[in-house]
Amino acid sequence: MSLIVSFAISYGLLLMAMTVHEFAHGLMAFKLGDSTARLSGRLTLNPLAHIDPFWTLILPLVLFVSSAGHFVFGAAKPVPVNYWALKNPKRDLIWIGLAGPFANFILAFVLVQVLKFFLLPATISYLFFNLMMINVVLAVFNLIPIPPLDGSKVLMGILPKQLAQQYSAFERFGFIILCILIGLGVFDRILWPLVGLVIRMMGAPA
């Protein structure tokens, strides 16, 4: 399989997972009283509405090329949320933060069941398995409590107000912190074991 075809497949699957992720954030916010995502055209499963020039287009390509075709990852444009429009901003922050990763977990679980109980053509099985993997990786990665990842939103919703405000101040350094941790291989020792654990718990076929 050529690198171009491999990138196209991996990127397409990643875009699907990111779209589900952001849609879930927007839908949860809408259900909790904030219409910002709907009014800005983000309450949709159309991938084009969630594309960010750097995070969704440039970063995945750079990672794929730099890893010689072994790795592709990225992020969608964050769904806008007006926390003052929420019924209970501090509590609802947790639910909105969890919505994206949980949507990815649910999609991954559904794909596992399809792979387990249906005899699919090899190509379809390959696509479904990789889409399942990408959804689990995206969910686990986003639950890491480092701003601006979803895990940080959950943690800010749990922390007392003063601590939450102090913690949120780290968001401007979040990307740098993530790059340092990735460079040190911290995520290799934490992320992949967690991904493997989740996949085993889902009962994915070997």
N, C-alpha and C. Protein backbone atom coordinates (compact mmCIF):
# COMPACT_ATOMS: atom_id res chain seq x y z
N MET A 1 0.85 -1.20 0.00
CA MET A 1 0.00 0.00 0.00
C MET A 1 0.89 1.25 0.00
N SER A 2 0.67 2.14 -0.94
CA SER A 2 1.49 3.33 -1.03
C SER A 2 1.24 4.25 0.15
N LEU A 3 2.21 5.13 0.42
CA LEU A 3 2.07 6.06 1.53
C LEU A 3 0.88 6.99 1.32
N ILE A 4 0.63 7.37 0.09
CA ILE A 4 -0.48 8.29 -0.19
C ILE A 4 -1.81 7.63 0.14
N VAL A 5 -1.97 6.38 -0.27
CA VAL A 5 -3.21 5.65 0.01
C VAL A 5 -3.34 5.42 1.51
N SER A 6 -2.24 5.03 2.14
CA SER A 6 -2.24 4.79 3.59
C SER A 6 -2.63 6.05 4.35
N PHE A 7 -2.07 7.19 3.93
CA PHE A 7 -2.42 8.45 4.59
C PHE A 7 -3.89 8.79 4.38
N ALA A 8 -4.38 8.61 3.17
CA ALA A 8 -5.77 8.93 2.86
C ALA A 8 -6.72 8.12 3.72
N ILE A 9 -6.43 6.84 3.90
CA ILE A 9 -7.28 5.98 4.72
C ILE A 9 -7.21 6.39 6.18
N SER A 10 -5.99 6.52 6.70
CA SER A 10 -5.82 6.87 8.10
C SER A 10 -6.43 8.24 8.40
N TYR A 11 -6.21 9.17 7.49
CA TYR A 11 -6.73 10.52 7.70
C TYR A 11 -8.25 10.54 7.65
N GLY A 12 -8.82 9.79 6.72
CA GLY A 12 -10.28 9.72 6.62
C GLY A 12 -10.91 9.15 7.88
N LEU A 13 -10.31 8.10 8.43
CA LEU A 13 -10.81 7.49 9.66
C LEU A 13 -10.66 8.45 10.85
N LEU A 14 -9.51 9.13 10.91
CA LEU A 14 -9.28 10.10 11.98
C LEU A 14 -10.30 11.24 11.90
N LEU A 15 -10.58 11.70 10.70
CA LEU A 15 -11.54 12.79 10.52
C LEU A 15 -12.93 12.37 10.99
N MET A 16 -13.30 11.12 10.72
CA MET A 16 -14.59 10.61 11.19
C MET A 16 -14.65 10.61 12.71
N ALA A 17 -13.59 10.13 13.35
CA ALA A 17 -13.56 10.06 14.82
C ALA A 17 -13.60 11.45 15.43
N MET A 18 -12.86 12.40 14.85
CA MET A 18 -12.83 13.76 15.38
C MET A 18 -14.18 14.45 15.21
N THR A 19 -14.86 14.16 14.09
CA THR A 19 -16.17 14.76 13.84
C THR A 19 -17.19 14.28 14.87
N VAL A 20 -17.20 12.99 15.14
CA VAL A 20 -18.09 12.43 16.17
C VAL A 20 -17.79 13.07 17.52
N HIS A 21 -16.51 13.23 17.81
CA HIS A 21 -16.05 13.80 19.08
C HIS A 21 -16.58 15.23 19.27
N GLU A 22 -16.38 16.08 18.27
CA GLU A 22 -16.79 17.48 18.39
C GLU A 22 -18.31 17.62 18.36
N PHE A 23 -18.97 16.81 17.54
CA PHE A 23 -20.43 16.84 17.50
C PHE A 23 -21.01 16.53 18.88
N ALA A 24 -20.41 15.55 19.56
CA ALA A 24 -20.89 15.17 20.88
C ALA A 24 -20.74 16.30 21.88
N HIS A 25 -19.61 17.02 21.82
CA HIS A 25 -19.42 18.19 22.68
C HIS A 25 -20.54 19.20 22.44
N GLY A 26 -20.78 19.51 21.18
CA GLY A 26 -21.79 20.51 20.83
C GLY A 26 -23.18 20.08 21.22
N LEU A 27 -23.49 18.79 21.02
CA LEU A 27 -24.82 18.29 21.35
C LEU A 27 -25.05 18.34 22.85
N MET A 28 -24.05 17.95 23.63
CA MET A 28 -24.20 17.99 25.08
C MET A 28 -24.39 19.43 25.56
N ALA A 29 -23.61 20.36 25.01
CA ALA A 29 -23.76 21.77 25.39
C ALA A 29 -25.16 22.27 25.05
N PHE A 30 -25.66 21.88 23.89
CA PHE A 30 -27.00 22.29 23.46
C PHE A 30 -28.06 21.73 24.41
N LYS A 31 -27.91 20.48 24.80
CA LYS A 31 -28.86 19.86 25.71
C LYS A 31 -28.84 20.53 27.09
N LEU A 32 -27.70 21.12 27.43
CA LEU A 32 -27.56 21.75 28.74
C LEU A 32 -27.83 23.26 28.71
N GLY A 33 -28.31 23.75 27.56
CA GLY A 33 -28.77 25.13 27.50
C GLY A 33 -27.99 26.10 26.64
N ASP A 34 -26.86 25.65 26.05
CA ASP A 34 -26.05 26.56 25.24
C ASP A 34 -26.23 26.26 23.75
N SER A 35 -26.69 27.24 23.00
CA SER A 35 -26.96 27.07 21.57
C SER A 35 -25.82 27.55 20.69
N THR A 36 -24.69 27.90 21.27
CA THR A 36 -23.58 28.47 20.51
C THR A 36 -23.13 27.55 19.38
N ALA A 37 -22.95 26.26 19.67
CA ALA A 37 -22.50 25.31 18.64
C ALA A 37 -23.50 25.22 17.50
N ARG A 38 -24.78 25.18 17.83
CA ARG A 38 -25.81 25.09 16.78
C ARG A 38 -25.83 26.35 15.92
N LEU A 39 -25.75 27.51 16.57
CA LEU A 39 -25.81 28.78 15.85
C LEU A 39 -24.56 29.02 15.00
N SER A 40 -23.46 28.41 15.37
CA SER A 40 -22.22 28.57 14.61
C SER A 40 -22.03 27.45 13.58
N GLY A 41 -23.04 26.62 13.41
CA GLY A 41 -22.99 25.57 12.40
C GLY A 41 -22.14 24.38 12.76
N ARG A 42 -21.88 24.21 14.05
CA ARG A 42 -21.01 23.11 14.49
C ARG A 42 -21.78 21.90 15.01
N LEU A 43 -23.09 22.01 15.12
CA LEU A 43 -23.88 20.88 15.59
C LEU A 43 -24.23 20.01 14.38
N THR A 44 -23.21 19.42 13.80
CA THR A 44 -23.36 18.67 12.57
C THR A 44 -22.31 17.56 12.49
N LEU A 45 -22.63 16.53 11.72
CA LEU A 45 -21.67 15.45 11.47
C LEU A 45 -20.94 15.65 10.14
N ASN A 46 -21.05 16.85 9.59
CA ASN A 46 -20.30 17.19 8.38
C ASN A 46 -18.86 17.52 8.79
N PRO A 47 -17.88 16.72 8.38
CA PRO A 47 -16.48 16.95 8.81
C PRO A 47 -15.96 18.33 8.45
N LEU A 48 -16.43 18.90 7.36
CA LEU A 48 -15.93 20.19 6.90
C LEU A 48 -16.16 21.30 7.93
N ALA A 49 -17.21 21.15 8.74
CA ALA A 49 -17.53 22.17 9.73
C ALA A 49 -16.56 22.16 10.90
N HIS A 50 -15.79 21.10 11.04
CA HIS A 50 -14.93 20.95 12.22
C HIS A 50 -13.43 21.04 11.89
N ILE A 51 -13.11 21.39 10.65
CA ILE A 51 -11.70 21.41 10.23
C ILE A 51 -10.99 22.68 10.70
N ASP A 52 -9.82 22.47 11.28
CA ASP A 52 -8.93 23.57 11.65
C ASP A 52 -7.70 23.47 10.74
N PRO A 53 -7.27 24.59 10.12
CA PRO A 53 -6.17 24.52 9.15
C PRO A 53 -4.91 23.84 9.68
N PHE A 54 -4.52 24.16 10.92
CA PHE A 54 -3.29 23.56 11.46
C PHE A 54 -3.54 22.18 12.05
N TRP A 55 -4.44 22.11 13.05
CA TRP A 55 -4.63 20.87 13.81
C TRP A 55 -5.22 19.74 12.97
N THR A 56 -6.08 20.08 12.00
CA THR A 56 -6.78 19.04 11.23
C THR A 56 -6.12 18.75 9.90
N LEU A 57 -5.38 19.69 9.35
CA LEU A 57 -4.79 19.50 8.02
C LEU A 57 -3.27 19.35 8.07
N ILE A 58 -2.59 20.34 8.65
CA ILE A 58 -1.12 20.35 8.61
C ILE A 58 -0.51 19.33 9.57
N LEU A 59 -0.97 19.33 10.85
CA LEU A 59 -0.38 18.45 11.85
C LEU A 59 -0.46 16.97 11.47
N PRO A 60 -1.62 16.44 11.05
CA PRO A 60 -1.66 15.01 10.67
C PRO A 60 -0.69 14.66 9.55
N LEU A 61 -0.57 15.57 8.57
CA LEU A 61 0.34 15.32 7.45
C LEU A 61 1.79 15.31 7.91
N VAL A 62 2.16 16.28 8.76
CA VAL A 62 3.52 16.35 9.27
C VAL A 62 3.86 15.11 10.09
N LEU A 63 2.94 14.69 10.98
CA LEU A 63 3.18 13.51 11.81
C LEU A 63 3.31 12.25 10.96
N PHE A 64 2.49 12.15 9.94
CA PHE A 64 2.52 10.97 9.08
C PHE A 64 3.84 10.89 8.32
N VAL A 65 4.26 12.02 7.75
CA VAL A 65 5.50 12.04 6.99
C VAL A 65 6.71 11.82 7.90
N SER A 66 6.72 12.49 9.05
CA SER A 66 7.87 12.39 9.96
C SER A 66 8.00 11.01 10.59
N SER A 67 6.89 10.27 10.65
CA SER A 67 6.94 8.91 11.21
C SER A 67 7.04 7.84 10.12
N ALA A 68 7.31 8.30 8.89
CA ALA A 68 7.44 7.39 7.74
C ALA A 68 6.18 6.55 7.53
N GLY A 69 5.04 7.17 7.78
CA GLY A 69 3.77 6.51 7.51
C GLY A 69 3.25 5.62 8.63
N HIS A 70 3.88 5.69 9.81
CA HIS A 70 3.46 4.83 10.91
C HIS A 70 2.46 5.49 11.87
N PHE A 71 2.32 6.80 11.78
CA PHE A 71 1.51 7.47 12.79
C PHE A 71 0.82 8.70 12.19
N VAL A 72 -0.47 8.82 12.46
CA VAL A 72 -1.20 10.02 12.06
C VAL A 72 -2.14 10.40 13.19
N PHE A 73 -2.12 11.67 13.54
CA PHE A 73 -2.97 12.15 14.62
C PHE A 73 -3.23 13.63 14.40
N GLY A 74 -4.28 14.13 15.02
CA GLY A 74 -4.62 15.53 14.86
C GLY A 74 -5.78 15.90 15.75
N ALA A 75 -6.32 17.06 15.52
CA ALA A 75 -7.44 17.54 16.33
C ALA A 75 -8.35 18.39 15.46
N ALA A 76 -9.62 18.40 15.81
CA ALA A 76 -10.58 19.24 15.11
C ALA A 76 -10.64 20.61 15.78
N LYS A 77 -11.30 21.55 15.10
CA LYS A 77 -11.51 22.87 15.69
C LYS A 77 -12.44 22.73 16.88
N PRO A 78 -12.04 23.21 18.06
CA PRO A 78 -12.89 23.05 19.25
C PRO A 78 -14.27 23.67 19.06
N VAL A 79 -15.27 22.98 19.55
CA VAL A 79 -16.63 23.51 19.49
C VAL A 79 -16.76 24.67 20.48
N PRO A 80 -17.28 25.82 20.04
CA PRO A 80 -17.42 26.96 20.96
C PRO A 80 -18.52 26.70 21.99
N VAL A 81 -18.23 27.04 23.23
CA VAL A 81 -19.20 26.87 24.32
C VAL A 81 -19.28 28.15 25.13
N ASN A 82 -20.49 28.64 25.34
CA ASN A 82 -20.72 29.80 26.21
C ASN A 82 -21.16 29.26 27.57
N TYR A 83 -20.20 29.17 28.48
CA TYR A 83 -20.50 28.54 29.76
C TYR A 83 -21.51 29.33 30.58
N TRP A 84 -21.65 30.63 30.31
CA TRP A 84 -22.63 31.43 31.05
C TRP A 84 -24.06 31.11 30.62
N ALA A 85 -24.20 30.45 29.48
CA ALA A 85 -25.54 30.08 29.02
C ALA A 85 -25.99 28.73 29.59
N LEU A 86 -25.08 28.04 30.24
CA LEU A 86 -25.40 26.72 30.78
C LEU A 86 -26.24 26.84 32.05
N LYS A 87 -27.00 25.80 32.31
CA LYS A 87 -27.87 25.81 33.49
C LYS A 87 -27.05 25.78 34.78
N ASN A 88 -25.99 24.98 34.78
CA ASN A 88 -25.10 24.87 35.94
C ASN A 88 -23.67 24.78 35.39
N PRO A 89 -23.03 25.95 35.12
CA PRO A 89 -21.75 25.96 34.40
C PRO A 89 -20.69 25.01 34.95
N LYS A 90 -20.50 24.98 36.25
CA LYS A 90 -19.42 24.15 36.82
C LYS A 90 -19.70 22.67 36.65
N ARG A 91 -20.93 22.27 36.90
CA ARG A 91 -21.28 20.86 36.72
C ARG A 91 -21.32 20.49 35.24
N ASP A 92 -21.92 21.38 34.43
CA ASP A 92 -22.09 21.08 33.01
C ASP A 92 -20.76 21.04 32.27
N LEU A 93 -19.75 21.75 32.79
CA LEU A 93 -18.42 21.69 32.22
C LEU A 93 -17.90 20.25 32.19
N ILE A 94 -18.21 19.51 33.23
CA ILE A 94 -17.78 18.11 33.31
C ILE A 94 -18.45 17.28 32.23
N TRP A 95 -19.77 17.43 32.10
CA TRP A 95 -20.52 16.63 31.13
C TRP A 95 -20.12 16.95 29.70
N ILE A 96 -19.88 18.24 29.42
CA ILE A 96 -19.46 18.62 28.07
C ILE A 96 -18.07 18.06 27.78
N GLY A 97 -17.19 18.12 28.77
CA GLY A 97 -15.85 17.58 28.60
C GLY A 97 -15.84 16.09 28.35
N LEU A 98 -16.72 15.37 29.03
CA LEU A 98 -16.78 13.91 28.89
C LEU A 98 -17.49 13.46 27.61
N ALA A 99 -18.35 14.31 27.06
CA ALA A 99 -19.20 13.91 25.93
C ALA A 99 -18.39 13.44 24.73
N GLY A 100 -17.33 14.19 24.38
CA GLY A 100 -16.53 13.82 23.21
C GLY A 100 -15.85 12.47 23.36
N PRO A 101 -15.05 12.26 24.43
CA PRO A 101 -14.42 10.96 24.62
C PRO A 101 -15.42 9.81 24.74
N PHE A 102 -16.53 10.03 25.43
CA PHE A 102 -17.51 8.97 25.59
C PHE A 102 -18.14 8.60 24.25
N ALA A 103 -18.36 9.59 23.39
CA ALA A 103 -18.90 9.29 22.06
C ALA A 103 -17.93 8.42 21.28
N ASN A 104 -16.63 8.69 21.40
CA ASN A 104 -15.62 7.86 20.75
C ASN A 104 -15.59 6.45 21.32
N PHE A 105 -15.72 6.33 22.65
CA PHE A 105 -15.76 5.01 23.27
C PHE A 105 -16.98 4.22 22.79
N ILE A 106 -18.13 4.89 22.70
CA ILE A 106 -19.35 4.21 22.26
C ILE A 106 -19.21 3.73 20.82
N LEU A 107 -18.69 4.59 19.95
CA LEU A 107 -18.49 4.19 18.55
C LEU A 107 -17.52 3.03 18.47
N ALA A 108 -16.44 3.08 19.24
CA ALA A 108 -15.46 2.00 19.25
C ALA A 108 -16.10 0.69 19.71
N PHE A 109 -16.93 0.76 20.75
CA PHE A 109 -17.59 -0.44 21.27
C PHE A 109 -18.52 -1.05 20.23
N VAL A 110 -19.26 -0.20 19.53
CA VAL A 110 -20.17 -0.69 18.47
C VAL A 110 -19.36 -1.39 17.38
N LEU A 111 -18.24 -0.80 17.00
CA LEU A 111 -17.39 -1.40 15.96
C LEU A 111 -16.83 -2.75 16.41
N VAL A 112 -16.47 -2.85 17.69
CA VAL A 112 -15.98 -4.13 18.22
C VAL A 112 -17.05 -5.20 18.10
N GLN A 113 -18.29 -4.85 18.43
CA GLN A 113 -19.37 -5.84 18.35
C GLN A 113 -19.62 -6.28 16.92
N VAL A 114 -19.52 -5.35 15.98
CA VAL A 114 -19.68 -5.70 14.57
C VAL A 114 -18.57 -6.65 14.13
N LEU A 115 -17.34 -6.35 14.55
CA LEU A 115 -16.21 -7.20 14.18
C LEU A 115 -16.31 -8.59 14.80
N LYS A 116 -16.89 -8.66 16.00
CA LYS A 116 -16.99 -9.95 16.69
C LYS A 116 -18.09 -10.84 16.13
N PHE A 117 -19.20 -10.24 15.74
CA PHE A 117 -20.38 -11.05 15.44
C PHE A 117 -20.77 -11.08 13.96
N PHE A 118 -20.03 -10.38 13.11
CA PHE A 118 -20.35 -10.39 11.68
C PHE A 118 -19.10 -10.77 10.89
N LEU A 119 -19.31 -11.58 9.89
CA LEU A 119 -18.23 -11.99 9.00
C LEU A 119 -18.14 -10.96 7.88
N LEU A 120 -17.13 -10.13 7.95
CA LEU A 120 -16.99 -9.02 7.02
C LEU A 120 -15.86 -9.28 6.04
N PRO A 121 -15.92 -8.68 4.86
CA PRO A 121 -14.78 -8.76 3.94
C PRO A 121 -13.53 -8.20 4.60
N ALA A 122 -12.39 -8.68 4.18
CA ALA A 122 -11.13 -8.30 4.82
C ALA A 122 -10.91 -6.78 4.82
N THR A 123 -11.24 -6.14 3.72
CA THR A 123 -11.03 -4.69 3.63
C THR A 123 -11.90 -3.94 4.63
N ILE A 124 -13.17 -4.36 4.76
CA ILE A 124 -14.09 -3.71 5.71
C ILE A 124 -13.63 -3.96 7.14
N SER A 125 -13.19 -5.17 7.42
CA SER A 125 -12.69 -5.49 8.77
C SER A 125 -11.48 -4.62 9.10
N TYR A 126 -10.61 -4.45 8.13
CA TYR A 126 -9.42 -3.61 8.33
C TYR A 126 -9.82 -2.17 8.67
N LEU A 127 -10.76 -1.63 7.91
CA LEU A 127 -11.21 -0.25 8.14
C LEU A 127 -11.90 -0.11 9.49
N PHE A 128 -12.77 -1.06 9.82
CA PHE A 128 -13.50 -1.01 11.09
C PHE A 128 -12.55 -1.13 12.28
N PHE A 129 -11.56 -2.03 12.16
CA PHE A 129 -10.62 -2.22 13.27
C PHE A 129 -9.80 -0.95 13.48
N ASN A 130 -9.33 -0.36 12.41
CA ASN A 130 -8.53 0.85 12.54
C ASN A 130 -9.35 2.04 13.02
N LEU A 131 -10.61 2.12 12.59
CA LEU A 131 -11.48 3.18 13.09
C LEU A 131 -11.74 3.00 14.58
N MET A 132 -11.90 1.75 15.01
CA MET A 132 -12.06 1.46 16.44
C MET A 132 -10.83 1.91 17.22
N MET A 133 -9.64 1.57 16.71
CA MET A 133 -8.39 1.94 17.37
C MET A 133 -8.26 3.45 17.49
N ILE A 134 -8.54 4.16 16.41
CA ILE A 134 -8.40 5.61 16.40
C ILE A 134 -9.36 6.25 17.39
N ASN A 135 -10.58 5.73 17.48
CA ASN A 135 -11.55 6.27 18.43
C ASN A 135 -11.09 6.07 19.87
N VAL A 136 -10.53 4.91 20.17
CA VAL A 136 -10.06 4.66 21.53
C VAL A 136 -8.87 5.56 21.86
N VAL A 137 -7.92 5.67 20.93
CA VAL A 137 -6.76 6.53 21.16
C VAL A 137 -7.19 7.98 21.37
N LEU A 138 -8.11 8.45 20.52
CA LEU A 138 -8.59 9.83 20.63
C LEU A 138 -9.26 10.07 21.97
N ALA A 139 -10.07 9.10 22.41
CA ALA A 139 -10.78 9.24 23.68
C ALA A 139 -9.83 9.24 24.86
N VAL A 140 -8.93 8.28 24.90
CA VAL A 140 -7.99 8.16 26.02
C VAL A 140 -7.08 9.39 26.07
N PHE A 141 -6.57 9.81 24.92
CA PHE A 141 -5.68 10.96 24.87
C PHE A 141 -6.38 12.22 25.40
N ASN A 142 -7.63 12.42 24.99
CA ASN A 142 -8.35 13.62 25.39
C ASN A 142 -8.73 13.62 26.86
N LEU A 143 -8.74 12.48 27.50
CA LEU A 143 -9.07 12.42 28.93
C LEU A 143 -7.87 12.75 29.81
N ILE A 144 -6.70 12.93 29.22
CA ILE A 144 -5.54 13.35 30.00
C ILE A 144 -5.80 14.76 30.52
N PRO A 145 -5.65 14.99 31.82
CA PRO A 145 -6.02 16.30 32.41
C PRO A 145 -4.97 17.39 32.21
N ILE A 146 -4.62 17.64 30.96
CA ILE A 146 -3.71 18.73 30.63
C ILE A 146 -4.43 19.69 29.70
N PRO A 147 -4.55 20.97 30.06
CA PRO A 147 -5.22 21.93 29.18
C PRO A 147 -4.54 21.96 27.81
N PRO A 148 -5.28 22.05 26.71
CA PRO A 148 -6.73 22.24 26.65
C PRO A 148 -7.52 20.94 26.41
N LEU A 149 -6.94 19.79 26.73
CA LEU A 149 -7.62 18.51 26.50
C LEU A 149 -8.87 18.41 27.37
N ASP A 150 -9.79 17.53 26.97
CA ASP A 150 -11.08 17.41 27.66
C ASP A 150 -10.91 17.04 29.13
N GLY A 151 -9.89 16.26 29.43
CA GLY A 151 -9.66 15.86 30.82
C GLY A 151 -9.46 17.06 31.73
N SER A 152 -8.88 18.13 31.19
CA SER A 152 -8.67 19.33 31.99
C SER A 152 -10.00 20.02 32.30
N LYS A 153 -10.94 19.95 31.35
CA LYS A 153 -12.26 20.54 31.59
C LYS A 153 -12.99 19.79 32.69
N VAL A 154 -12.86 18.48 32.67
CA VAL A 154 -13.48 17.65 33.71
C VAL A 154 -12.88 17.98 35.06
N LEU A 155 -11.55 18.09 35.09
CA LEU A 155 -10.87 18.39 36.35
C LEU A 155 -11.25 19.77 36.87
N MET A 156 -11.38 20.75 35.97
CA MET A 156 -11.76 22.10 36.39
C MET A 156 -13.18 22.12 36.94
N GLY A 157 -14.02 21.24 36.43
CA GLY A 157 -15.38 21.16 36.95
C GLY A 157 -15.45 20.52 38.32
N ILE A 158 -14.44 19.71 38.64
CA ILE A 158 -14.40 19.02 39.93
C ILE A 158 -13.72 19.87 41.00
N LEU A 159 -12.67 20.59 40.62
CA LEU A 159 -11.89 21.37 41.58
C LEU A 159 -12.71 22.53 42.17
N PRO A 160 -12.38 22.94 43.39
CA PRO A 160 -12.99 24.16 43.96
C PRO A 160 -12.70 25.34 43.02
N LYS A 161 -13.56 26.35 43.05
CA LYS A 161 -13.49 27.45 42.10
C LYS A 161 -12.12 28.10 42.01
N GLN A 162 -11.51 28.40 43.16
CA GLN A 162 -10.22 29.08 43.14
C GLN A 162 -9.12 28.22 42.51
N LEU A 163 -9.11 26.93 42.87
CA LEU A 163 -8.11 26.02 42.29
C LEU A 163 -8.35 25.84 40.79
N ALA A 164 -9.63 25.79 40.41
CA ALA A 164 -9.97 25.63 38.99
C ALA A 164 -9.46 26.82 38.18
N GLN A 165 -9.60 28.02 38.73
CA GLN A 165 -9.12 29.22 38.03
C GLN A 165 -7.61 29.21 37.90
N GLN A 166 -6.93 28.78 38.94
CA GLN A 166 -5.47 28.70 38.89
C GLN A 166 -5.01 27.65 37.88
N TYR A 167 -5.73 26.54 37.87
CA TYR A 167 -5.39 25.45 36.96
C TYR A 167 -5.62 25.86 35.50
N SER A 168 -6.71 26.60 35.25
CA SER A 168 -7.03 27.02 33.88
C SER A 168 -5.96 27.95 33.32
N ALA A 169 -5.20 28.62 34.20
CA ALA A 169 -4.15 29.53 33.74
C ALA A 169 -3.05 28.78 33.00
N PHE A 170 -2.94 27.46 33.21
CA PHE A 170 -1.92 26.66 32.54
C PHE A 170 -2.27 26.39 31.08
N GLU A 171 -3.50 26.74 30.67
CA GLU A 171 -3.94 26.39 29.32
C GLU A 171 -3.04 27.02 28.26
N ARG A 172 -2.53 28.22 28.52
CA ARG A 172 -1.68 28.86 27.51
C ARG A 172 -0.35 28.13 27.34
N PHE A 173 -0.01 27.28 28.31
CA PHE A 173 1.22 26.50 28.21
C PHE A 173 0.92 25.04 27.84
N GLY A 174 -0.36 24.72 27.63
CA GLY A 174 -0.76 23.34 27.42
C GLY A 174 -0.06 22.66 26.26
N PHE A 175 0.00 23.35 25.12
CA PHE A 175 0.61 22.74 23.93
C PHE A 175 2.08 22.45 24.17
N ILE A 176 2.77 23.39 24.84
CA ILE A 176 4.20 23.20 25.13
C ILE A 176 4.39 22.00 26.06
N ILE A 177 3.53 21.92 27.09
CA ILE A 177 3.61 20.80 28.04
C ILE A 177 3.39 19.47 27.32
N LEU A 178 2.40 19.44 26.44
CA LEU A 178 2.11 18.22 25.69
C LEU A 178 3.29 17.81 24.82
N CYS A 179 3.88 18.78 24.15
CA CYS A 179 5.04 18.49 23.28
C CYS A 179 6.20 17.93 24.08
N ILE A 180 6.44 18.51 25.26
CA ILE A 180 7.54 18.04 26.12
C ILE A 180 7.29 16.60 26.57
N LEU A 181 6.06 16.32 27.01
CA LEU A 181 5.73 14.98 27.48
C LEU A 181 5.81 13.95 26.36
N ILE A 182 5.35 14.36 25.17
CA ILE A 182 5.44 13.46 24.02
C ILE A 182 6.90 13.19 23.67
N GLY A 183 7.71 14.27 23.68
CA GLY A 183 9.14 14.14 23.38
C GLY A 183 9.88 13.25 24.36
N LEU A 184 9.45 13.29 25.63
CA LEU A 184 10.09 12.47 26.67
C LEU A 184 9.59 11.02 26.66
N GLY A 185 8.59 10.76 25.83
CA GLY A 185 8.06 9.40 25.75
C GLY A 185 7.12 9.04 26.88
N VAL A 186 6.65 10.05 27.61
CA VAL A 186 5.75 9.78 28.74
C VAL A 186 4.46 9.14 28.26
N PHE A 187 3.93 9.65 27.15
CA PHE A 187 2.66 9.12 26.66
C PHE A 187 2.80 7.69 26.14
N ASP A 188 3.99 7.37 25.63
CA ASP A 188 4.21 5.99 25.18
C ASP A 188 4.06 5.01 26.34
N ARG A 189 4.49 5.44 27.53
CA ARG A 189 4.43 4.57 28.70
C ARG A 189 3.06 4.59 29.38
N ILE A 190 2.24 5.58 29.07
CA ILE A 190 0.93 5.71 29.72
C ILE A 190 -0.22 5.48 28.74
N LEU A 191 -0.15 6.17 27.60
CA LEU A 191 -1.27 6.14 26.65
C LEU A 191 -1.51 4.76 26.07
N TRP A 192 -0.46 4.14 25.51
CA TRP A 192 -0.66 2.87 24.82
C TRP A 192 -1.10 1.74 25.74
N PRO A 193 -0.55 1.63 26.97
CA PRO A 193 -1.10 0.61 27.89
C PRO A 193 -2.57 0.83 28.21
N LEU A 194 -2.99 2.11 28.36
CA LEU A 194 -4.40 2.39 28.63
C LEU A 194 -5.26 2.06 27.43
N VAL A 195 -4.77 2.38 26.24
CA VAL A 195 -5.51 2.05 25.02
C VAL A 195 -5.69 0.53 24.92
N GLY A 196 -4.61 -0.20 25.17
CA GLY A 196 -4.69 -1.66 25.13
C GLY A 196 -5.67 -2.20 26.16
N LEU A 197 -5.68 -1.62 27.35
CA LEU A 197 -6.60 -2.06 28.40
C LEU A 197 -8.05 -1.84 27.98
N VAL A 198 -8.33 -0.67 27.43
CA VAL A 198 -9.71 -0.36 27.01
C VAL A 198 -10.16 -1.31 25.90
N ILE A 199 -9.28 -1.58 24.96
CA ILE A 199 -9.64 -2.46 23.84
C ILE A 199 -9.89 -3.87 24.35
N ARG A 200 -9.09 -4.34 25.30
CA ARG A 200 -9.33 -5.67 25.87
C ARG A 200 -10.65 -5.71 26.64
N MET A 201 -10.94 -4.65 27.38
CA MET A 201 -12.20 -4.58 28.13
C MET A 201 -13.41 -4.61 27.20
N MET A 202 -13.25 -4.04 26.02
CA MET A 202 -14.33 -4.06 25.03
C MET A 202 -14.48 -5.42 24.36
N GLY A 203 -13.47 -6.28 24.55
CA GLY A 203 -13.54 -7.61 23.97
C GLY A 203 -13.23 -7.65 22.49
N ALA A 204 -12.36 -6.73 22.06
CA ALA A 204 -12.03 -6.68 20.63
C ALA A 204 -11.34 -7.96 20.19
N PRO A 205 -11.68 -8.44 19.00
CA PRO A 205 -11.01 -9.65 18.48
C PRO A 205 -9.56 -9.39 18.21
N ALA A 206 -8.71 -10.38 18.42
CA ALA A 206 -7.27 -10.22 18.21
C ALA A 206 -6.96 -10.09 16.74
